[in-house]
Each structure stands twice: as C-alpha cells, then as structure tokens.
Amino acid sequence: MVSMNRLDSAERSQVVECLCDGNSIRATVRITGVAKNTITKLLVELGPACVAYHDEHVRGVRVRCLQADEIWSFVGAKQKNASKEQKQAGWGDAWTWTGIDADTKLCVSYLVGLRDKGCAYEFIQDLADRILGRPQITTDALKAYPDAIEAAFGADCDYAQLHKIFGASNEPETRYSPATCIGADMKVVSGNPDPKLVTTSFVERQNLTMRMSMRRFTRLTNGFSKKLENHAAAVALYFMYYNFCRVHQTLRVTPAMEAGIAEHVWSIEEIVGLLRG
C-alpha cells in the first residue's frame, strides 16, 4: 500500500478519478493500491479546497430559472437508529441542499445539513449572494422555503412551489418501491412566475446523478459515510467535478463553461492542483 506522503500527482489524480467515477473507498483501494487511510486523508484535504474554490469563483452568476431541492442520505446510521451519543458525534440523517440553474445546469450552491428552517435560511441566503438579476425560483412544498426566500430575495424574485402528490406503489415489494406520482399542484408564493417554467425536473435529475456518482448516496448498501467530515468532503469534490469537469450531454460543455465562469473543461489534475493553490 502507498502512503499519503509518497503519493505523486499522477497517483493522487488516479485516486480522485476513481472517487469521481462513483467508486467507494474500498473499491478505490483495490483499483489503485493506495491505502484506505491515505485515500480518506486525501479526500478530507481536497474537500475544503473545492469548497474554497467554489465559494470564490461561483459568484455573480446570472440565473433566469433556479430550481432548489434536498436529497437525503445518512452518516453512520439513520436518524431513528442513532443513539443520543452518536447523534452528538454527527451520526444521523444528512440532507444535501442543491440549487441548480435550469439553463446552464450549474450548481450555484449546495449545503450539507439538516432539513430544517436554519439550514433553509443559510442555503437560500448563499444562493441570493451568488445570483445576479431577478430569477424565477421553483422548490418543492417544504414549509421552510417561503420565509427563507422572502428573507434572502425580498421582492426580487418570482417564486412558486410545486407540490407533488404521491399514491401507493403498485409493486408487490413496497418497501423498496417508490410511491407513484399521481399529480402536482402549483402554488404561486410571490411575484409573477411563468407557469411553463415551474418545474423541479432538472434539480431532481441532478439528485439522481448524485446517487449514481457517489457511493455514499447509494441506497441499501454499506457504502454510506461513517464520518460527517468525510461526507461533506465527498459532496464538495462531487460538485467541483460536476461543475467544472463533467461535460453535460445536452450542453456539450461543462456547466461552468455554459455559465461563463470557466474557459475550458477542467481535468482531474487541475482539481488535485487545488491542494497547492
């Protein structure tokens, strides 16, 4: 096994590429021959570097249609199964809030936390700080959104909520089958949103991409995060890769290029280079 202090740039890039391709830590060990603790240490160091770059450069973005959503995962154990001591150590449900520009597919902001009022305010305020112009915003029917959006955007947005109505699953194995969407109810909250643009399809598709691209988000496996710090670092690395490296199939460029905050498709080596930046 190779230790962290002996990893060269090519080996670090190979490790990061494996992680971005959706491999677990243990699978990356088998593929690269790098020690598990070394891979984890590299991830935990690279995560904050990705956060810092995103915070500095994903700003002043003109967004016409913004879609926001939350995706569930957990650290250590599900909330209902974690003890009081484990919850104090960071175990339990971990929600990732995401805000996607429907036109450029850029993830403007993300936040790992709880699905509560406090995180809603923090997430929406961060979105408002990064966006120029008057966006049309669509979210699900989470009750924390309207007050948070009013506090952050005031009258400078057109906002609607989309409440999807689900019925019982028709599958015999209901435990593993999603409920069937039988309709949707649109509610105008503020401004004058265009009904044709009231949708959360793009951000929900992004949630699927997250589950496919991060082993920690895959359901019914033992690949879930064991530490909140590692989970947050993996999310930061994913969004750095998604925004700057991954060519979007419909755009034929990366979301960052489409949004005008990058001039080329980033390589994995450039992400690894953030550690020296």
Protein backbone atom coordinates (compact mmCIF):
# COMPACT_ATOMS: atom_id res chain seq x y z
CA MET A 1 0.00 0.00 0.00
CA VAL A 2 1.15 3.57 -0.75
CA SER A 3 1.12 6.24 1.97
CA MET A 4 -0.03 9.84 1.55
CA ASN A 5 3.42 11.44 1.77
CA ARG A 6 4.66 9.23 -1.10
CA LEU A 7 1.76 9.84 -3.49
CA ASP A 8 2.83 11.74 -6.60
CA SER A 9 0.49 13.92 -8.63
CA ALA A 10 -0.44 11.12 -11.04
CA GLU A 11 -1.35 8.76 -8.20
CA ARG A 12 -3.46 11.42 -6.50
CA SER A 13 -5.26 12.07 -9.78
CA GLN A 14 -5.96 8.36 -10.18
CA VAL A 15 -7.47 8.20 -6.69
CA VAL A 16 -9.64 11.28 -7.28
CA GLU A 17 -10.78 9.97 -10.67
CA CYS A 18 -11.89 6.71 -9.05
CA LEU A 19 -13.87 8.61 -6.42
CA CYS A 20 -15.48 10.86 -9.04
CA ASP A 21 -16.47 7.78 -11.04
CA GLY A 22 -18.60 6.59 -8.13
CA ASN A 23 -16.24 4.06 -6.57
CA SER A 24 -16.25 3.51 -2.83
CA ILE A 25 -13.15 4.00 -0.69
CA ARG A 26 -12.51 0.26 -0.55
CA ALA A 27 -13.02 -0.15 -4.29
CA THR A 28 -10.52 2.68 -4.86
CA VAL A 29 -8.05 0.82 -2.64
CA ARG A 30 -8.39 -2.26 -4.82
CA ILE A 31 -8.07 -0.31 -8.07
CA THR A 32 -5.14 1.95 -7.13
CA GLY A 33 -3.28 0.03 -4.43
CA VAL A 34 -3.32 3.15 -2.24
CA ALA A 35 -4.01 2.62 1.47
CA LYS A 36 -7.53 3.30 2.75
CA ASN A 37 -6.39 5.91 5.29
CA THR A 38 -4.34 7.64 2.58
CA ILE A 39 -7.37 7.91 0.29
CA THR A 40 -9.52 9.23 3.12
CA LYS A 41 -6.87 11.78 4.10
CA LEU A 42 -6.60 12.98 0.50
CA LEU A 43 -10.40 13.34 0.27
CA VAL A 44 -10.64 15.25 3.56
CA GLU A 45 -7.88 17.64 2.44
CA LEU A 46 -9.25 18.14 -1.06
CA GLY A 47 -12.86 18.72 0.02
CA PRO A 48 -12.23 22.08 1.75
CA ALA A 49 -10.07 23.19 -1.21
CA CYS A 50 -13.04 22.51 -3.52
CA VAL A 51 -15.35 24.43 -1.16
CA ALA A 52 -12.97 27.40 -1.15
CA TYR A 53 -12.72 27.50 -4.96
CA HIS A 54 -16.49 27.23 -5.39
CA ASP A 55 -17.07 29.96 -2.81
CA GLU A 56 -14.70 32.35 -4.58
CA HIS A 57 -15.50 31.70 -8.23
CA VAL A 58 -19.16 30.68 -8.43
CA ARG A 59 -20.43 34.21 -7.90
CA GLY A 60 -22.06 36.92 -9.97
CA VAL A 61 -23.99 34.30 -11.95
CA ARG A 62 -27.00 35.44 -13.97
CA VAL A 63 -29.77 32.92 -13.39
CA ARG A 64 -33.11 33.00 -15.19
CA CYS A 65 -34.67 29.86 -13.68
CA LEU A 66 -33.47 28.47 -10.37
CA GLN A 67 -34.57 25.08 -9.04
CA ALA A 68 -33.86 24.01 -5.45
CA ASP A 69 -34.29 20.67 -3.74
CA GLU A 70 -32.95 18.46 -0.94
CA ILE A 71 -31.63 14.91 -1.18
CA TRP A 72 -31.47 12.51 1.77
CA SER A 73 -28.58 10.37 2.95
CA PHE A 74 -27.18 9.48 6.35
CA VAL A 75 -23.91 9.29 8.25
CA GLY A 76 -23.16 6.27 10.44
CA ALA A 77 -26.79 5.32 10.97
CA LYS A 78 -30.26 6.53 10.08
CA GLN A 79 -31.66 9.17 12.40
CA LYS A 80 -34.14 6.80 14.02
CA ASN A 81 -31.44 4.22 14.76
CA ALA A 82 -28.71 6.53 16.09
CA SER A 83 -28.25 6.90 19.84
CA LYS A 84 -28.03 10.29 21.55
CA GLU A 85 -24.26 9.98 21.82
CA GLN A 86 -23.96 9.02 18.16
CA LYS A 87 -26.09 11.98 17.09
CA GLN A 88 -23.79 14.29 19.07
CA ALA A 89 -20.88 12.80 17.13
CA GLY A 90 -22.54 13.71 13.82
CA TRP A 91 -24.40 10.49 13.04
CA GLY A 92 -27.91 10.53 11.64
CA ASP A 93 -29.70 11.96 8.61
CA ALA A 94 -27.66 14.24 6.34
CA TRP A 95 -29.55 16.31 3.78
CA THR A 96 -27.79 17.91 0.81
CA TRP A 97 -29.50 21.10 -0.39
CA THR A 98 -28.83 21.96 -4.04
CA GLY A 99 -29.65 24.96 -6.19
CA ILE A 100 -29.44 24.39 -9.98
CA ASP A 101 -29.59 26.91 -12.82
CA ALA A 102 -32.05 25.25 -15.21
CA ASP A 103 -30.40 26.82 -18.29
CA THR A 104 -26.70 26.18 -17.66
CA LYS A 105 -27.19 23.19 -15.26
CA LEU A 106 -24.69 24.88 -12.95
CA CYS A 107 -24.94 24.01 -9.26
CA VAL A 108 -24.93 27.53 -7.87
CA SER A 109 -24.88 26.49 -4.22
CA TYR A 110 -25.04 23.38 -2.05
CA LEU A 111 -25.20 22.72 1.67
CA VAL A 112 -24.91 19.58 3.79
CA GLY A 113 -27.03 19.76 6.94
CA LEU A 114 -30.46 19.08 8.33
CA ARG A 115 -33.79 19.54 6.60
CA ASP A 116 -34.84 22.37 8.90
CA LYS A 117 -35.52 26.10 8.99
CA GLY A 118 -31.98 27.07 9.94
CA CYS A 119 -30.35 25.26 7.03
CA ALA A 120 -33.04 26.57 4.67
CA TYR A 121 -32.18 30.17 5.60
CA GLU A 122 -28.43 29.55 5.28
CA PHE A 123 -28.78 27.80 1.93
CA ILE A 124 -31.15 30.33 0.34
CA GLN A 125 -29.11 33.30 1.56
CA ASP A 126 -25.99 31.81 -0.01
CA LEU A 127 -27.88 31.40 -3.28
CA ALA A 128 -29.02 35.03 -3.17
CA ASP A 129 -25.44 36.20 -2.58
CA ARG A 130 -24.25 34.44 -5.75
CA ILE A 131 -27.03 35.35 -8.19
CA LEU A 132 -27.42 38.48 -10.31
CA GLY A 133 -30.74 39.63 -11.70
CA ARG A 134 -34.26 38.52 -10.88
CA PRO A 135 -34.59 34.72 -11.00
CA GLN A 136 -37.72 32.62 -11.17
CA ILE A 137 -37.45 30.08 -8.34
CA THR A 138 -39.16 26.70 -8.05
CA THR A 139 -38.96 24.46 -4.99
CA ASP A 140 -40.93 21.60 -3.51
CA ALA A 141 -43.56 22.26 -0.83
CA LEU A 142 -41.17 22.29 2.14
CA LYS A 143 -42.60 24.82 4.61
CA ALA A 144 -39.20 26.35 5.39
CA TYR A 145 -38.69 27.70 1.87
CA PRO A 146 -41.13 30.66 1.61
CA ASP A 147 -39.83 32.57 4.64
CA ALA A 148 -36.21 31.84 3.74
CA ILE A 149 -36.69 33.05 0.15
CA GLU A 150 -38.51 36.18 1.26
CA ALA A 151 -35.72 36.98 3.75
CA ALA A 152 -32.95 36.47 1.16
CA PHE A 153 -34.51 37.77 -2.09
CA GLY A 154 -37.30 40.03 -0.87
CA ALA A 155 -39.36 41.17 -3.86
CA ASP A 156 -36.52 40.46 -6.32
CA CYS A 157 -37.71 37.05 -7.48
CA ASP A 158 -40.72 35.21 -8.86
CA TYR A 159 -41.34 32.17 -6.71
CA ALA A 160 -43.62 29.15 -6.99
CA GLN A 161 -43.82 25.87 -5.11
CA LEU A 162 -44.57 22.56 -6.81
CA HIS A 163 -46.33 20.08 -4.56
CA LYS A 164 -46.22 16.57 -5.98
CA ILE A 165 -48.98 14.19 -4.91
CA PHE A 166 -47.99 10.57 -4.46
CA GLY A 167 -50.16 7.47 -4.31
CA ALA A 168 -49.38 3.97 -3.11
CA SER A 169 -46.90 1.91 -5.10
CA ASN A 170 -48.31 -0.77 -7.38
CA GLU A 171 -45.30 -3.02 -6.83
CA PRO A 172 -45.63 -6.05 -4.52
CA GLU A 173 -42.32 -5.22 -2.81
CA THR A 174 -43.50 -1.86 -1.50
CA ARG A 175 -40.60 -1.47 0.92
CA TYR A 176 -38.16 -0.95 -1.97
CA SER A 177 -40.51 0.64 -4.48
CA PRO A 178 -41.03 4.41 -4.78
CA ALA A 179 -44.51 5.84 -4.48
CA THR A 180 -46.29 6.70 -7.71
CA CYS A 181 -46.70 10.39 -8.57
CA ILE A 182 -50.36 10.90 -9.44
CA GLY A 183 -50.37 14.67 -9.84
CA ALA A 184 -48.81 18.03 -8.96
CA ASP A 185 -50.19 21.23 -7.50
CA MET A 186 -48.55 24.58 -8.30
CA LYS A 187 -48.72 27.38 -5.75
CA VAL A 188 -47.59 30.93 -6.57
CA VAL A 189 -45.85 32.31 -3.49
CA SER A 190 -44.53 35.66 -4.70
CA GLY A 191 -44.07 37.69 -7.86
CA ASN A 192 -45.34 36.55 -11.23
CA PRO A 193 -43.72 33.21 -12.15
CA ASP A 194 -44.24 31.79 -15.63
CA PRO A 195 -46.27 28.56 -15.17
CA LYS A 196 -44.40 26.94 -18.07
CA LEU A 197 -41.15 27.26 -16.13
CA VAL A 198 -42.46 25.96 -12.81
CA THR A 199 -40.70 22.60 -12.56
CA THR A 200 -38.08 20.83 -10.47
CA SER A 201 -37.17 18.30 -13.17
CA PHE A 202 -33.57 19.44 -13.61
CA VAL A 203 -32.67 19.53 -9.94
CA GLU A 204 -34.35 16.15 -9.38
CA ARG A 205 -32.34 14.72 -12.28
CA GLN A 206 -29.27 16.17 -10.61
CA ASN A 207 -30.21 14.29 -7.43
CA LEU A 208 -30.22 11.07 -9.43
CA THR A 209 -26.78 11.90 -10.81
CA MET A 210 -25.55 12.37 -7.24
CA ARG A 211 -26.81 8.94 -6.22
CA MET A 212 -25.17 7.38 -9.26
CA SER A 213 -21.86 9.25 -8.83
CA MET A 214 -21.25 8.92 -5.09
CA ARG A 215 -21.19 5.51 -3.46
CA ARG A 216 -22.13 7.16 -0.15
CA PHE A 217 -25.57 8.00 -1.57
CA THR A 218 -26.38 4.54 -2.95
CA ARG A 219 -29.33 3.05 -1.10
CA LEU A 220 -29.36 -0.40 0.57
CA THR A 221 -25.57 -0.77 0.70
CA ASN A 222 -22.86 -0.47 3.36
CA GLY A 223 -21.09 2.29 1.44
CA PHE A 224 -22.66 5.08 3.49
CA SER A 225 -20.45 7.69 5.18
CA LYS A 226 -19.08 6.91 8.61
CA LYS A 227 -17.99 10.49 9.43
CA LEU A 228 -19.77 13.76 8.66
CA GLU A 229 -16.46 15.41 7.69
CA ASN A 230 -15.81 12.74 5.07
CA HIS A 231 -19.38 13.02 3.78
CA ALA A 232 -19.14 16.80 3.34
CA ALA A 233 -15.75 16.46 1.61
CA ALA A 234 -17.16 13.90 -0.85
CA VAL A 235 -20.07 16.21 -1.70
CA ALA A 236 -17.69 19.15 -2.27
CA LEU A 237 -15.48 17.05 -4.56
CA TYR A 238 -18.53 15.83 -6.48
CA PHE A 239 -19.85 19.32 -7.20
CA MET A 240 -16.39 20.56 -8.19
CA TYR A 241 -16.19 17.72 -10.69
CA TYR A 242 -19.80 18.19 -11.83
CA ASN A 243 -19.49 21.94 -12.44
CA PHE A 244 -16.01 22.11 -13.96
CA CYS A 245 -15.01 18.68 -15.33
CA ARG A 246 -18.10 16.78 -16.42
CA VAL A 247 -19.32 17.67 -19.92
CA HIS A 248 -23.10 17.84 -19.82
CA GLN A 249 -24.66 15.72 -22.54
CA THR A 250 -27.18 18.32 -23.70
CA LEU A 251 -24.83 21.31 -23.39
CA ARG A 252 -21.70 19.65 -24.85
CA VAL A 253 -19.69 21.78 -22.43
CA THR A 254 -19.42 21.84 -18.66
CA PRO A 255 -21.99 23.80 -16.62
CA ALA A 256 -19.24 26.21 -15.54
CA MET A 257 -18.35 26.93 -19.18
CA GLU A 258 -22.01 27.45 -20.09
CA ALA A 259 -22.35 29.88 -17.16
CA GLY A 260 -19.25 31.81 -18.24
CA ILE A 261 -17.13 31.12 -15.14
CA ALA A 262 -14.71 28.70 -16.85
CA GLU A 263 -13.00 28.79 -20.24
CA HIS A 264 -12.21 25.10 -20.68
CA VAL A 265 -13.05 21.62 -19.46
CA TRP A 266 -11.11 21.02 -16.28
CA SER A 267 -9.00 17.89 -15.85
CA ILE A 268 -8.79 15.79 -12.70
CA GLU A 269 -5.20 17.03 -12.36
CA GLU A 270 -6.48 20.60 -12.08
CA ILE A 271 -8.80 19.63 -9.22
CA VAL A 272 -5.88 17.90 -7.47
CA GLY A 273 -3.86 21.07 -8.09
CA LEU A 274 -6.21 23.00 -5.80
CA LEU A 275 -4.28 21.45 -2.91
CA ARG A 276 -1.31 23.53 -3.95
CA GLY A 277 -3.35 26.62 -4.80
